[in-house]
Amino acid sequence: MRVMIRKSGNELSAYVAKKDLEEPIVAMEKPGLWGGWADLSNGWRLEMPEMAPDTRLPITVNARRLSTGE
């Protein structure tokens, strides 16, 4: 799914346009976000693509939803 990642202050958030969903990212597998999973505050877990640690935000990426938090 297409996900826009953006940063506001020190907080990262993910926006999924098809679901009209924007949630803060509350946990990450890797400190740089890219190449591991990211948990959203609604319970979703997304698999993030491999990218350079210094990738500029906001950016739209293809991420895979691993779980729905149920």
PDB file of N, CA and C in Angstrom:
ATOM      1  N   MET A   1       0.839  -1.174   0.000  1.00  0.00           N
ATOM      2  CA  MET A   1       0.000   0.000   0.000  1.00  0.00           C
ATOM      3  C   MET A   1       0.887   1.241   0.000  1.00  0.00           C
ATOM      4  N   ARG A   2       0.376   2.295  -0.547  1.00  0.00           N
ATOM      5  CA  ARG A   2       1.111   3.567  -0.601  1.00  0.00           C
ATOM      6  C   ARG A   2       0.922   4.296   0.731  1.00  0.00           C
ATOM      7  N   VAL A   3       2.035   4.670   1.349  1.00  0.00           N
ATOM      8  CA  VAL A   3       2.023   5.325   2.655  1.00  0.00           C
ATOM      9  C   VAL A   3       2.917   6.551   2.593  1.00  0.00           C
ATOM     10  N   MET A   4       2.399   7.682   3.049  1.00  0.00           N
ATOM     11  CA  MET A   4       3.228   8.883   3.143  1.00  0.00           C
ATOM     12  C   MET A   4       3.771   8.970   4.563  1.00  0.00           C
ATOM     13  N   ILE A   5       5.081   9.088   4.674  1.00  0.00           N
ATOM     14  CA  ILE A   5       5.747   9.246   5.964  1.00  0.00           C
ATOM     15  C   ILE A   5       6.161  10.699   6.085  1.00  0.00           C
ATOM     16  N   ARG A   6       5.824  11.304   7.220  1.00  0.00           N
ATOM     17  CA  ARG A   6       6.240  12.686   7.435  1.00  0.00           C
ATOM     18  C   ARG A   6       6.666  12.865   8.884  1.00  0.00           C
ATOM     19  N   LYS A   7       7.368  13.961   9.123  1.00  0.00           N
ATOM     20  CA  LYS A   7       7.874  14.259  10.453  1.00  0.00           C
ATOM     21  C   LYS A   7       7.347  15.617  10.879  1.00  0.00           C
ATOM     22  N   SER A   8       6.809  15.665  12.089  1.00  0.00           N
ATOM     23  CA  SER A   8       6.328  16.910  12.675  1.00  0.00           C
ATOM     24  C   SER A   8       6.988  17.038  14.043  1.00  0.00           C
ATOM     25  N   GLY A   9       7.934  17.958  14.145  1.00  0.00           N
ATOM     26  CA  GLY A   9       8.720  18.043  15.376  1.00  0.00           C
ATOM     27  C   GLY A   9       9.596  16.803  15.482  1.00  0.00           C
ATOM     28  N   ASN A  10       9.466  16.073  16.577  1.00  0.00           N
ATOM     29  CA  ASN A  10      10.219  14.827  16.754  1.00  0.00           C
ATOM     30  C   ASN A  10       9.374  13.596  16.481  1.00  0.00           C
ATOM     31  N   GLU A  11       8.144  13.784  16.033  1.00  0.00           N
ATOM     32  CA  GLU A  11       7.224  12.674  15.841  1.00  0.00           C
ATOM     33  C   GLU A  11       7.080  12.323  14.368  1.00  0.00           C
ATOM     34  N   LEU A  12       7.175  11.027  14.065  1.00  0.00           N
ATOM     35  CA  LEU A  12       6.924  10.524  12.720  1.00  0.00           C
ATOM     36  C   LEU A  12       5.482  10.060  12.636  1.00  0.00           C
ATOM     37  N   SER A  13       4.862  10.255  11.479  1.00  0.00           N
ATOM     38  CA  SER A  13       3.510   9.759  11.286  1.00  0.00           C
ATOM     39  C   SER A  13       3.393   9.156   9.896  1.00  0.00           C
ATOM     40  N   ALA A  14       2.372   8.295   9.747  1.00  0.00           N
ATOM     41  CA  ALA A  14       2.110   7.630   8.480  1.00  0.00           C
ATOM     42  C   ALA A  14       0.696   7.975   8.049  1.00  0.00           C
ATOM     43  N   TYR A  15       0.529   8.303   6.761  1.00  0.00           N
ATOM     44  CA  TYR A  15      -0.782   8.622   6.204  1.00  0.00           C
ATOM     45  C   TYR A  15      -1.071   7.658   5.066  1.00  0.00           C
ATOM     46  N   VAL A  16      -2.211   6.969   5.150  1.00  0.00           N
ATOM     47  CA  VAL A  16      -2.658   6.050   4.108  1.00  0.00           C
ATOM     48  C   VAL A  16      -3.880   6.686   3.456  1.00  0.00           C
ATOM     49  N   ALA A  17      -3.716   7.193   2.241  1.00  0.00           N
ATOM     50  CA  ALA A  17      -4.781   7.945   1.579  1.00  0.00           C
ATOM     51  C   ALA A  17      -6.009   7.082   1.310  1.00  0.00           C
ATOM     52  N   LYS A  18      -5.832   5.846   0.861  1.00  0.00           N
ATOM     53  CA  LYS A  18      -6.979   4.995   0.521  1.00  0.00           C
ATOM     54  C   LYS A  18      -7.852   4.691   1.731  1.00  0.00           C
ATOM     55  N   LYS A  19      -7.279   4.754   2.923  1.00  0.00           N
ATOM     56  CA  LYS A  19      -8.039   4.511   4.156  1.00  0.00           C
ATOM     57  C   LYS A  19      -8.361   5.814   4.877  1.00  0.00           C
ATOM     58  N   ASP A  20      -7.886   6.945   4.350  1.00  0.00           N
ATOM     59  CA  ASP A  20      -8.007   8.243   5.011  1.00  0.00           C
ATOM     60  C   ASP A  20      -7.594   8.124   6.471  1.00  0.00           C
ATOM     61  N   LEU A  21      -6.398   7.579   6.666  1.00  0.00           N
ATOM     62  CA  LEU A  21      -5.888   7.249   7.990  1.00  0.00           C
ATOM     63  C   LEU A  21      -4.544   7.917   8.200  1.00  0.00           C
ATOM     64  N   GLU A  22      -4.413   8.662   9.278  1.00  0.00           N
ATOM     65  CA  GLU A  22      -3.113   9.209   9.670  1.00  0.00           C
ATOM     66  C   GLU A  22      -2.897   8.872  11.127  1.00  0.00           C
ATOM     67  N   GLU A  23      -1.780   8.189  11.403  1.00  0.00           N
ATOM     68  CA  GLU A  23      -1.467   7.736  12.756  1.00  0.00           C
ATOM     69  C   GLU A  23       0.005   7.975  13.052  1.00  0.00           C
ATOM     70  N   PRO A  24       0.318   8.309  14.304  1.00  0.00           N
ATOM     71  CA  PRO A  24       1.728   8.426  14.704  1.00  0.00           C
ATOM     72  C   PRO A  24       2.416   7.058  14.677  1.00  0.00           C
ATOM     73  N   ILE A  25       3.693   7.080  14.384  1.00  0.00           N
ATOM     74  CA  ILE A  25       4.515   5.870  14.461  1.00  0.00           C
ATOM     75  C   ILE A  25       5.023   5.802  15.898  1.00  0.00           C
ATOM     76  N   VAL A  26       4.682   4.722  16.605  1.00  0.00           N
ATOM     77  CA  VAL A  26       4.990   4.620  18.034  1.00  0.00           C
ATOM     78  C   VAL A  26       6.163   3.698  18.338  1.00  0.00           C
ATOM     79  N   ALA A  27       6.542   2.821  17.398  1.00  0.00           N
ATOM     80  CA  ALA A  27       7.680   1.925  17.611  1.00  0.00           C
ATOM     81  C   ALA A  27       8.259   1.542  16.255  1.00  0.00           C
ATOM     82  N   MET A  28       9.582   1.282  16.249  1.00  0.00           N
ATOM     83  CA  MET A  28      10.271   0.897  15.017  1.00  0.00           C
ATOM     84  C   MET A  28      11.255  -0.214  15.329  1.00  0.00           C
ATOM     85  N   GLU A  29      11.428  -1.125  14.387  1.00  0.00           N
ATOM     86  CA  GLU A  29      12.404  -2.197  14.551  1.00  0.00           C
ATOM     87  C   GLU A  29      13.823  -1.649  14.495  1.00  0.00           C
ATOM     88  N   LYS A  30      14.048  -0.712  13.589  1.00  0.00           N
ATOM     89  CA  LYS A  30      15.386  -0.133  13.399  1.00  0.00           C
ATOM     90  C   LYS A  30      15.336   1.352  13.718  1.00  0.00           C
ATOM     91  N   PRO A  31      16.401   1.896  14.272  1.00  0.00           N
ATOM     92  CA  PRO A  31      16.389   3.314  14.657  1.00  0.00           C
ATOM     93  C   PRO A  31      16.159   4.265  13.486  1.00  0.00           C
ATOM     94  N   GLY A  32      16.536   3.879  12.280  1.00  0.00           N
ATOM     95  CA  GLY A  32      16.372   4.743  11.126  1.00  0.00           C
ATOM     96  C   GLY A  32      15.075   4.544  10.370  1.00  0.00           C
ATOM     97  N   LEU A  33      14.146   3.748  10.889  1.00  0.00           N
ATOM     98  CA  LEU A  33      12.833   3.469  10.304  1.00  0.00           C
ATOM     99  C   LEU A  33      12.885   2.530   9.116  1.00  0.00           C
ATOM    100  N   TRP A  34      13.821   2.701   8.214  1.00  0.00           N
ATOM    101  CA  TRP A  34      13.812   1.995   6.934  1.00  0.00           C
ATOM    102  C   TRP A  34      14.354   0.583   7.058  1.00  0.00           C
ATOM    103  N   GLY A  35      13.681  -0.356   6.368  1.00  0.00           N
ATOM    104  CA  GLY A  35      14.163  -1.725   6.287  1.00  0.00           C
ATOM    105  C   GLY A  35      13.655  -2.653   7.378  1.00  0.00           C
ATOM    106  N   GLY A  36      12.767  -2.201   8.193  1.00  0.00           N
ATOM    107  CA  GLY A  36      12.196  -3.044   9.249  1.00  0.00           C
ATOM    108  C   GLY A  36      10.725  -2.737   9.399  1.00  0.00           C
ATOM    109  N   TRP A  37      10.148  -3.126  10.536  1.00  0.00           N
ATOM    110  CA  TRP A  37       8.741  -2.828  10.758  1.00  0.00           C
ATOM    111  C   TRP A  37       8.583  -1.525  11.526  1.00  0.00           C
ATOM    112  N   ALA A  38       7.396  -0.951  11.399  1.00  0.00           N
ATOM    113  CA  ALA A  38       7.010   0.255  12.143  1.00  0.00           C
ATOM    114  C   ALA A  38       5.591   0.034  12.661  1.00  0.00           C
ATOM    115  N   ASP A  39       5.384   0.298  13.954  1.00  0.00           N
ATOM    116  CA  ASP A  39       4.061   0.167  14.558  1.00  0.00           C
ATOM    117  C   ASP A  39       3.382   1.520  14.618  1.00  0.00           C
ATOM    118  N   LEU A  40       2.107   1.557  14.211  1.00  0.00           N
ATOM    119  CA  LEU A  40       1.299   2.765  14.296  1.00  0.00           C
ATOM    120  C   LEU A  40       0.479   2.727  15.581  1.00  0.00           C
ATOM    121  N   SER A  41       0.002   3.878  16.024  1.00  0.00           N
ATOM    122  CA  SER A  41      -0.739   3.954  17.289  1.00  0.00           C
ATOM    123  C   SER A  41      -2.070   3.197  17.240  1.00  0.00           C
ATOM    124  N   ASN A  42      -2.594   2.911  16.060  1.00  0.00           N
ATOM    125  CA  ASN A  42      -3.853   2.161  15.959  1.00  0.00           C
ATOM    126  C   ASN A  42      -3.640   0.649  15.986  1.00  0.00           C
ATOM    127  N   GLY A  43      -2.378   0.205  16.105  1.00  0.00           N
ATOM    128  CA  GLY A  43      -2.076  -1.219  16.171  1.00  0.00           C
ATOM    129  C   GLY A  43      -1.551  -1.828  14.894  1.00  0.00           C
ATOM    130  N   TRP A  44      -1.615  -1.105  13.782  1.00  0.00           N
ATOM    131  CA  TRP A  44      -1.089  -1.630  12.531  1.00  0.00           C
ATOM    132  C   TRP A  44       0.417  -1.755  12.621  1.00  0.00           C
ATOM    133  N   ARG A  45       0.957  -2.788  12.000  1.00  0.00           N
ATOM    134  CA  ARG A  45       2.401  -2.933  11.829  1.00  0.00           C
ATOM    135  C   ARG A  45       2.687  -2.939  10.337  1.00  0.00           C
ATOM    136  N   LEU A  46       3.572  -2.051   9.911  1.00  0.00           N
ATOM    137  CA  LEU A  46       3.934  -1.918   8.495  1.00  0.00           C
ATOM    138  C   LEU A  46       5.368  -2.345   8.285  1.00  0.00           C
ATOM    139  N   GLU A  47       5.626  -3.046   7.193  1.00  0.00           N
ATOM    140  CA  GLU A  47       6.976  -3.378   6.787  1.00  0.00           C
ATOM    141  C   GLU A  47       7.466  -2.256   5.876  1.00  0.00           C
ATOM    142  N   MET A  48       8.515  -1.568   6.308  1.00  0.00           N
ATOM    143  CA  MET A  48       9.023  -0.420   5.573  1.00  0.00           C
ATOM    144  C   MET A  48      10.104  -0.851   4.580  1.00  0.00           C
ATOM    145  N   PRO A  49      10.192  -0.175   3.432  1.00  0.00           N
ATOM    146  CA  PRO A  49      11.215  -0.539   2.437  1.00  0.00           C
ATOM    147  C   PRO A  49      12.610  -0.103   2.898  1.00  0.00           C
ATOM    148  N   GLU A  50      13.622  -0.713   2.299  1.00  0.00           N
ATOM    149  CA  GLU A  50      15.014  -0.308   2.535  1.00  0.00           C
ATOM    150  C   GLU A  50      15.245   1.031   1.851  1.00  0.00           C
ATOM    151  N   MET A  51      15.743   1.991   2.606  1.00  0.00           N
ATOM    152  CA  MET A  51      16.078   3.296   2.041  1.00  0.00           C
ATOM    153  C   MET A  51      17.266   3.845   2.821  1.00  0.00           C
ATOM    154  N   ALA A  52      17.889   4.873   2.287  1.00  0.00           N
ATOM    155  CA  ALA A  52      19.016   5.507   2.969  1.00  0.00           C
ATOM    156  C   ALA A  52      18.540   6.155   4.269  1.00  0.00           C
ATOM    157  N   PRO A  53      19.351   6.105   5.324  1.00  0.00           N
ATOM    158  CA  PRO A  53      18.958   6.700   6.605  1.00  0.00           C
ATOM    159  C   PRO A  53      18.672   8.203   6.528  1.00  0.00           C
ATOM    160  N   ASP A  54      19.284   8.888   5.581  1.00  0.00           N
ATOM    161  CA  ASP A  54      19.110  10.342   5.476  1.00  0.00           C
ATOM    162  C   ASP A  54      18.045  10.734   4.440  1.00  0.00           C
ATOM    163  N   THR A  55      17.119   9.825   4.129  1.00  0.00           N
ATOM    164  CA  THR A  55      16.037  10.106   3.178  1.00  0.00           C
ATOM    165  C   THR A  55      15.209  11.285   3.667  1.00  0.00           C
ATOM    166  N   ARG A  56      14.970  12.242   2.779  1.00  0.00           N
ATOM    167  CA  ARG A  56      14.210  13.441   3.150  1.00  0.00           C
ATOM    168  C   ARG A  56      12.730  13.136   3.264  1.00  0.00           C
ATOM    169  N   LEU A  57      12.115  13.742   4.246  1.00  0.00           N
ATOM    170  CA  LEU A  57      10.675  13.585   4.493  1.00  0.00           C
ATOM    171  C   LEU A  57       9.975  14.890   4.206  1.00  0.00           C
ATOM    172  N   PRO A  58       8.724  14.908   3.775  1.00  0.00           N
ATOM    173  CA  PRO A  58       7.838  13.755   3.596  1.00  0.00           C
ATOM    174  C   PRO A  58       8.164  12.977   2.332  1.00  0.00           C
ATOM    175  N   ILE A  59       7.817  11.689   2.361  1.00  0.00           N
ATOM    176  CA  ILE A  59       8.035  10.814   1.213  1.00  0.00           C
ATOM    177  C   ILE A  59       6.909   9.779   1.180  1.00  0.00           C
ATOM    178  N   THR A  60       6.507   9.407  -0.025  1.00  0.00           N
ATOM    179  CA  THR A  60       5.510   8.357  -0.201  1.00  0.00           C
ATOM    180  C   THR A  60       6.229   7.086  -0.627  1.00  0.00           C
ATOM    181  N   VAL A  61       5.957   5.995   0.083  1.00  0.00           N
ATOM    182  CA  VAL A  61       6.625   4.716  -0.166  1.00  0.00           C
ATOM    183  C   VAL A  61       5.584   3.604  -0.273  1.00  0.00           C
ATOM    184  N   ASN A  62       6.010   2.479  -0.797  1.00  0.00           N
ATOM    185  CA  ASN A  62       5.189   1.271  -0.780  1.00  0.00           C
ATOM    186  C   ASN A  62       5.560   0.483   0.471  1.00  0.00           C
ATOM    187  N   ALA A  63       4.600   0.304   1.354  1.00  0.00           N
ATOM    188  CA  ALA A  63       4.805  -0.462   2.579  1.00  0.00           C
ATOM    189  C   ALA A  63       3.791  -1.600   2.602  1.00  0.00           C
ATOM    190  N   ARG A  64       4.115  -2.650   3.321  1.00  0.00           N
ATOM    191  CA  ARG A  64       3.219  -3.794   3.425  1.00  0.00           C
ATOM    192  C   ARG A  64       2.682  -3.877   4.841  1.00  0.00           C
ATOM    193  N   ARG A  65       1.386  -4.035   4.968  1.00  0.00           N
ATOM    194  CA  ARG A  65       0.788  -4.167   6.298  1.00  0.00           C
ATOM    195  C   ARG A  65       0.983  -5.594   6.772  1.00  0.00           C
ATOM    196  N   LEU A  66       1.642  -5.737   7.934  1.00  0.00           N
ATOM    197  CA  LEU A  66       1.915  -7.047   8.500  1.00  0.00           C
ATOM    198  C   LEU A  66       0.821  -7.492   9.463  1.00  0.00           C
ATOM    199  N   SER A  67       0.212  -6.526  10.168  1.00  0.00           N
ATOM    200  CA  SER A  67      -0.876  -6.866  11.089  1.00  0.00           C
ATOM    201  C   SER A  67      -1.801  -5.677  11.242  1.00  0.00           C
ATOM    202  N   THR A  68      -3.006  -5.954  11.719  1.00  0.00           N
ATOM    203  CA  THR A  68      -4.012  -4.901  11.887  1.00  0.00           C
ATOM    204  C   THR A  68      -4.222  -4.543  13.346  1.00  0.00           C
ATOM    205  N   GLY A  69      -3.469  -5.156  14.251  1.00  0.00           N
ATOM    206  CA  GLY A  69      -3.586  -4.821  15.663  1.00  0.00           C
ATOM    207  C   GLY A  69      -4.741  -5.502  16.361  1.00  0.00           C
ATOM    208  N   GLU A  70      -5.344  -6.493  15.736  1.00  0.00           N
ATOM    209  CA  GLU A  70      -6.473  -7.199  16.352  1.00  0.00           C
ATOM    210  C   GLU A  70      -6.014  -8.404  17.111  1.00  0.00           C
TER     211      GLU A  70
END
